[in-house]
Protein backbone atom coordinates (compact mmCIF):
# COMPACT_ATOMS: atom_id res chain seq x y z
CA MET A 1 99.88 88.58 108.70
CA ALA A 2 97.09 91.15 109.25
CA ASN A 3 93.82 91.10 106.88
CA LEU A 4 91.70 93.72 104.79
CA ALA A 5 87.82 93.66 105.01
CA ARG A 6 86.41 92.58 101.66
CA LEU A 7 83.33 94.03 100.96
CA PRO A 8 80.87 93.97 97.25
CA ALA A 9 80.67 97.53 95.26
CA GLN A 10 76.85 97.28 96.27
CA ALA A 11 78.04 97.23 100.33
CA PRO A 12 76.02 99.94 102.13
CA ALA A 13 77.96 103.49 102.28
CA GLU A 14 78.42 103.40 105.99
CA LYS A 15 80.33 100.08 106.24
CA ILE A 16 82.62 101.46 103.32
CA ILE A 17 83.08 104.67 105.25
CA SER A 18 83.36 103.02 108.74
CA GLU A 19 86.30 100.22 107.42
CA LEU A 20 88.41 103.07 105.93
CA GLU A 21 87.99 105.05 109.03
CA GLU A 22 89.11 102.54 111.47
CA HIS A 23 91.56 100.73 109.17
CA GLY A 24 92.60 103.12 106.59
CA ALA A 25 91.92 100.87 103.74
CA VAL A 26 89.27 97.95 102.31
CA ILE A 27 88.83 95.91 99.16
CA ILE A 28 85.81 96.26 97.23
CA GLU A 29 85.28 93.10 95.38
CA ASP A 30 84.18 93.36 91.81
CA PHE A 31 84.42 97.23 91.73
CA LEU A 32 84.58 96.83 87.74
CA SER A 33 82.29 94.77 85.54
CA LYS A 34 83.67 92.19 83.53
CA ASP A 35 82.41 93.92 80.77
CA ILE A 36 83.83 97.46 81.99
CA LEU A 37 87.10 95.41 82.78
CA ASP A 38 87.56 94.09 79.43
CA LYS A 39 86.69 97.00 77.57
CA PHE A 40 89.17 99.17 79.58
CA ASN A 41 92.07 96.30 79.06
CA ALA A 42 91.52 96.22 75.58
CA GLU A 43 91.55 100.32 74.98
CA ILE A 44 94.88 100.46 77.02
CA ASP A 45 96.82 97.33 75.39
CA PRO A 46 97.81 98.89 72.14
CA ALA A 47 99.25 102.00 74.22
CA LEU A 48 100.99 99.63 76.74
CA GLU A 49 102.59 97.61 73.80
CA ASN A 50 104.14 100.62 72.75
CA LYS A 51 105.99 101.38 76.01
CA SER A 52 108.95 100.30 77.22
CA ALA A 53 110.39 99.65 80.92
CA ASN A 54 112.59 102.60 81.05
CA HIS A 55 110.58 105.36 81.97
CA ALA A 56 113.39 108.03 81.43
CA HIS A 57 112.10 109.86 84.37
CA PRO A 58 113.86 113.50 84.97
CA ASN A 59 114.13 112.42 88.75
CA PRO A 60 116.35 109.45 89.04
CA SER A 61 114.85 108.93 92.59
CA VAL A 62 111.41 108.44 91.04
CA GLU A 63 112.90 106.02 88.74
CA PHE A 64 114.48 104.01 91.12
CA PHE A 65 110.94 103.85 93.04
CA HIS A 66 108.98 102.17 90.32
CA GLY A 67 111.91 100.27 89.12
CA PRO A 68 112.87 98.73 85.68
CA GLN A 69 110.65 96.21 85.04
CA THR A 70 107.37 98.48 85.55
CA LYS A 71 105.88 99.76 82.18
CA HIS A 72 103.53 102.61 83.13
CA LEU A 73 100.46 104.17 81.25
CA THR A 74 100.11 107.68 82.22
CA GLY A 75 97.23 110.18 80.53
CA VAL A 76 94.68 107.50 80.89
CA ALA A 77 92.08 109.70 80.21
CA GLY A 78 93.46 110.82 76.63
CA VAL A 79 93.76 106.71 75.96
CA SER A 80 90.25 105.27 77.35
CA THR A 81 86.47 106.37 77.05
CA THR A 82 86.01 103.61 79.12
CA PHE A 83 87.84 105.60 81.79
CA THR A 84 86.03 109.00 81.77
CA HIS A 85 82.56 107.48 81.39
CA ASP A 86 82.62 104.68 83.67
CA ILE A 87 85.92 104.07 86.07
CA LEU A 88 86.38 107.62 86.93
CA LEU A 89 82.74 108.20 88.08
CA HIS A 90 82.48 105.24 90.03
CA PRO A 91 79.83 105.86 93.13
CA VAL A 92 82.35 104.22 95.46
CA PHE A 93 85.10 107.09 94.54
CA GLU A 94 82.33 109.66 94.64
CA LEU A 95 80.89 108.51 98.34
CA VAL A 96 84.91 108.32 99.39
CA GLY A 97 85.58 111.73 98.03
CA ASN A 98 82.53 113.62 99.29
CA GLU A 99 83.08 111.83 102.98
CA PHE A 100 86.72 112.49 103.25
CA LEU A 101 87.87 115.20 101.11
CA LEU A 102 84.99 117.67 100.70
CA PRO A 103 85.41 118.84 104.41
CA ASN A 104 88.64 120.50 103.12
CA CYS A 105 87.98 121.76 99.94
CA ALA A 106 85.04 123.00 97.92
CA GLU A 107 85.98 120.44 95.24
CA TYR A 108 87.98 117.77 94.61
CA ILE A 109 90.03 116.58 91.67
CA LEU A 110 91.94 113.48 90.29
CA ASN A 111 95.33 113.55 91.28
CA ILE A 112 96.54 110.98 88.89
CA ALA A 113 95.70 107.66 87.14
CA HIS A 114 98.29 105.46 85.72
CA VAL A 115 98.63 102.11 84.50
CA LEU A 116 101.32 99.86 85.98
CA ASP A 117 102.28 96.53 84.15
CA ARG A 118 104.86 95.10 86.87
CA GLY A 119 106.72 92.85 84.75
CA PRO A 120 108.73 89.33 86.74
CA GLY A 121 111.64 90.32 88.66
CA ALA A 122 110.25 93.59 89.78
CA GLY A 123 111.22 94.28 93.38
CA ASP A 124 109.76 95.29 96.70
CA GLN A 125 108.42 98.94 96.70
CA LEU A 126 109.47 101.36 99.31
CA ILE A 127 106.46 101.04 102.01
CA HIS A 128 105.33 104.92 101.74
CA ARG A 129 102.72 107.11 102.19
CA ASP A 130 101.03 108.63 99.11
CA HIS A 131 100.21 112.27 100.66
CA ASP A 132 104.08 112.56 101.30
CA VAL A 133 104.01 113.97 97.84
CA TRP A 134 103.24 117.32 99.55
CA PRO A 135 104.69 118.88 102.37
CA LYS A 136 104.49 117.02 105.36
CA LYS A 137 104.11 120.78 107.37
CA MET A 138 100.95 121.51 105.03
CA THR A 139 99.23 118.15 105.39
CA SER A 140 99.62 118.21 109.10
CA ALA A 141 98.37 121.94 109.15
CA ILE A 142 95.09 120.80 107.36
CA GLY A 143 94.15 118.28 110.27
CA GLY A 144 92.10 116.16 107.49
CA HIS A 145 92.76 114.30 104.71
CA THR A 146 94.18 115.58 101.70
CA GLN A 147 94.10 112.41 99.39
CA PHE A 148 92.45 108.93 98.94
CA ALA A 149 93.33 106.36 96.16
CA SER A 150 92.54 103.24 94.75
CA LEU A 151 94.64 99.99 93.43
CA ILE A 152 92.55 98.19 91.00
CA ALA A 153 93.17 94.74 89.90
CA LEU A 154 93.38 94.74 85.95
CA SER A 155 94.77 91.08 85.92
CA GLU A 156 95.57 88.78 88.39
CA TYR A 157 96.67 90.23 91.79
CA THR A 158 98.52 87.44 93.79
CA VAL A 159 100.81 87.79 96.64
CA GLU A 160 103.73 85.81 94.17
CA MET A 161 102.78 88.53 91.76
CA GLY A 162 103.66 91.24 93.99
CA ALA A 163 100.17 92.31 95.24
CA THR A 164 100.18 95.38 96.73
CA ARG A 165 101.14 95.36 100.77
CA ILE A 166 98.95 97.64 103.19
CA VAL A 167 99.33 98.17 106.32
CA PRO A 168 95.71 98.44 108.22
CA GLY A 169 95.47 100.99 110.62
CA SER A 170 98.49 103.25 109.66
CA HIS A 171 96.71 106.21 108.63
CA LYS A 172 96.63 106.64 112.78
CA TRP A 173 100.05 106.04 113.45
CA PRO A 174 103.38 108.61 113.75
CA ASP A 175 105.26 109.32 110.57
CA SER A 176 108.28 107.46 112.45
CA ARG A 177 106.52 104.25 113.19
CA GLU A 178 107.63 101.65 111.02
CA PRO A 179 105.28 98.39 110.29
CA GLU A 180 106.22 94.88 111.46
CA GLN A 181 105.82 92.25 108.92
CA ALA A 182 102.73 90.73 110.81
CA GLU A 183 100.79 94.35 110.68
CA ILE A 184 101.27 94.01 106.62
CA ALA A 185 98.15 92.78 104.57
CA ILE A 186 98.53 91.61 101.32
CA ALA A 187 95.99 92.79 98.74
CA GLU A 188 95.21 89.79 96.78
CA MET A 189 92.36 90.45 94.38
CA LYS A 190 90.69 88.96 91.46
CA PRO A 191 90.84 90.99 88.63
CA GLY A 192 88.13 94.06 88.58
CA SER A 193 88.68 94.25 92.19
CA ALA A 194 89.95 97.29 93.88
CA ALA A 195 91.98 98.26 97.58
CA ILE A 196 90.92 101.72 98.44
CA TYR A 197 93.23 103.29 100.97
CA LEU A 198 93.53 106.74 102.41
CA GLY A 199 96.63 108.91 101.81
CA SER A 200 98.11 108.76 104.98
CA THR A 201 97.80 104.41 104.97
CA LEU A 202 101.58 103.14 104.52
CA HIS A 203 101.53 100.57 101.45
CA GLY A 204 103.99 99.51 98.70
CA ALA A 205 104.46 97.01 95.67
CA GLY A 206 105.38 93.69 96.63
CA PRO A 207 108.33 91.61 94.25
CA ASN A 208 106.89 89.92 91.50
CA LYS A 209 108.34 86.48 91.55
CA THR A 210 106.83 84.79 88.63
CA ASP A 211 106.81 84.96 84.81
CA LYS A 212 103.51 86.92 84.27
CA VAL A 213 102.66 90.51 84.08
CA ARG A 214 100.89 92.13 87.11
CA ARG A 215 98.62 94.74 85.95
CA GLY A 216 97.00 97.40 87.87
CA MET A 217 95.79 100.79 87.77
CA HIS A 218 96.69 103.37 90.68
CA THR A 219 93.90 106.27 90.76
CA SER A 220 93.92 108.71 93.36
CA PHE A 221 91.86 112.10 94.21
CA CYS A 222 93.07 115.20 96.21
CA LEU A 223 91.62 118.21 97.03
CA GLY A 224 90.97 120.77 94.47
CA TRP A 225 93.24 123.72 95.55
CA LEU A 226 96.33 121.19 95.50
CA ARG A 227 98.90 121.03 92.78
CA THR A 228 98.14 117.52 91.06
CA GLU A 229 100.56 114.87 90.71
CA GLU A 230 99.77 114.63 86.68
CA ASN A 231 98.70 117.24 84.38
CA SER A 232 95.54 116.19 83.01
CA TYR A 233 95.07 119.33 81.04
CA LEU A 234 97.74 118.22 78.62
CA SER A 235 96.73 114.48 78.60
CA VAL A 236 93.44 114.91 76.66
CA THR A 237 92.67 117.19 73.78
CA LYS A 238 89.83 119.56 73.50
CA GLU A 239 87.92 117.38 71.36
CA GLN A 240 87.95 114.55 73.99
CA VAL A 241 86.73 117.10 76.68
CA LYS A 242 83.68 117.90 74.62
CA LYS A 243 82.69 114.32 74.78
CA MET A 244 83.02 113.65 78.37
CA PRO A 245 80.35 114.05 80.98
CA ARG A 246 80.39 117.23 82.73
CA ARG A 247 81.44 115.52 85.89
CA ALA A 248 84.49 113.94 84.16
CA GLN A 249 85.65 117.32 82.75
CA GLU A 250 85.66 118.75 86.44
CA LEU A 251 87.12 115.71 87.82
CA LEU A 252 89.80 116.41 85.43
CA GLY A 253 90.18 119.78 86.50
CA PHE A 254 88.15 121.36 83.56
CA GLY A 255 86.05 122.78 86.51
CA VAL A 256 86.80 125.52 89.07
CA HIS A 257 87.34 125.05 92.43
CA ASP A 258 85.14 127.99 93.81
CA GLY A 259 85.64 128.49 97.42
CA ILE A 260 83.75 131.73 97.52
CA ALA A 261 81.08 130.49 99.81
CA ASN A 262 83.38 129.49 102.31
CA GLY A 263 85.51 132.74 102.58
CA GLU A 264 88.20 131.72 99.97
CA GLY A 265 88.70 132.03 96.40
CA PHE A 266 87.78 131.13 92.60
CA LEU A 267 90.77 129.20 91.41
CA GLY A 268 91.01 127.66 87.84
CA ALA A 269 88.88 129.85 85.92
CA VAL A 270 89.78 131.05 82.09
CA ASP A 271 88.95 134.58 81.53
CA ASN A 272 87.09 134.87 84.66
CA ALA A 273 84.73 131.90 83.44
CA ILE A 274 84.66 128.08 83.90
CA PRO A 275 87.29 126.44 81.23
CA ALA A 276 84.47 123.40 80.38
CA ASP A 277 81.90 126.09 79.50
CA LEU A 278 84.07 127.99 77.33
CA ILE A 279 85.37 124.43 75.94
CA ALA A 280 81.69 123.41 74.84
CA SER A 281 81.12 126.92 73.67
CA GLY A 282 83.70 126.73 71.45
CA ALA A 283 85.52 129.92 72.99
CA ILE A 284 88.56 128.19 73.54
């Protein structure tokens, strides 16, 4: 069985970056403080209680990918102020985004944030790379990273409960290579810890063989000029956006991707202006 390095959230930046460059993934212990973790769970509990494990996804392949024993809470920014004020703005996210995404864009944004309650009986998830949601010919042509992600343990995260399987070093592999069992690490974590990994790193949830629910949150960021998996614009109201920190607004797509200095375009404008500015002024 392979292993992943475990670092504290206050670890030197170069150590976190080094682990991601070499192994494609790292576990950050105590990524969320107990106070933030408790507040976040309290904010999302009511929304998850009203969810069913029947996702009714319009594409049956996506429905199969997540499985019938998993409850999903999407649009987290519209449910939790703890997410928009504390988790979304975590300094480790900023560190990794600046290092791995900014070389290929003027700005990066939130790709998707969703909470997954994987219940008893949830099976093995397909081992996959997150960046494969975009065409492979495009990600290959870029010659760099398009995405990075995290899995934050919001409850116990044990192998028996289906802790995420991650394949260290697989971000350097050809697409055709399949992992051997001995090459797979199990990201067991205590609540509040997080596994950070690159979009090119193989991973997948394990089977939940207990009678408990394993709660985690997948949060990923991508190049600012890509189409995101989740449409954050319709997940929050204008009143909610007004109350967010400016950086949270930008990460949710209410800024712009200004690539003029790089010989590129000015993307995401409304009436030739920055959406966050127009919302703040009441113009929209």
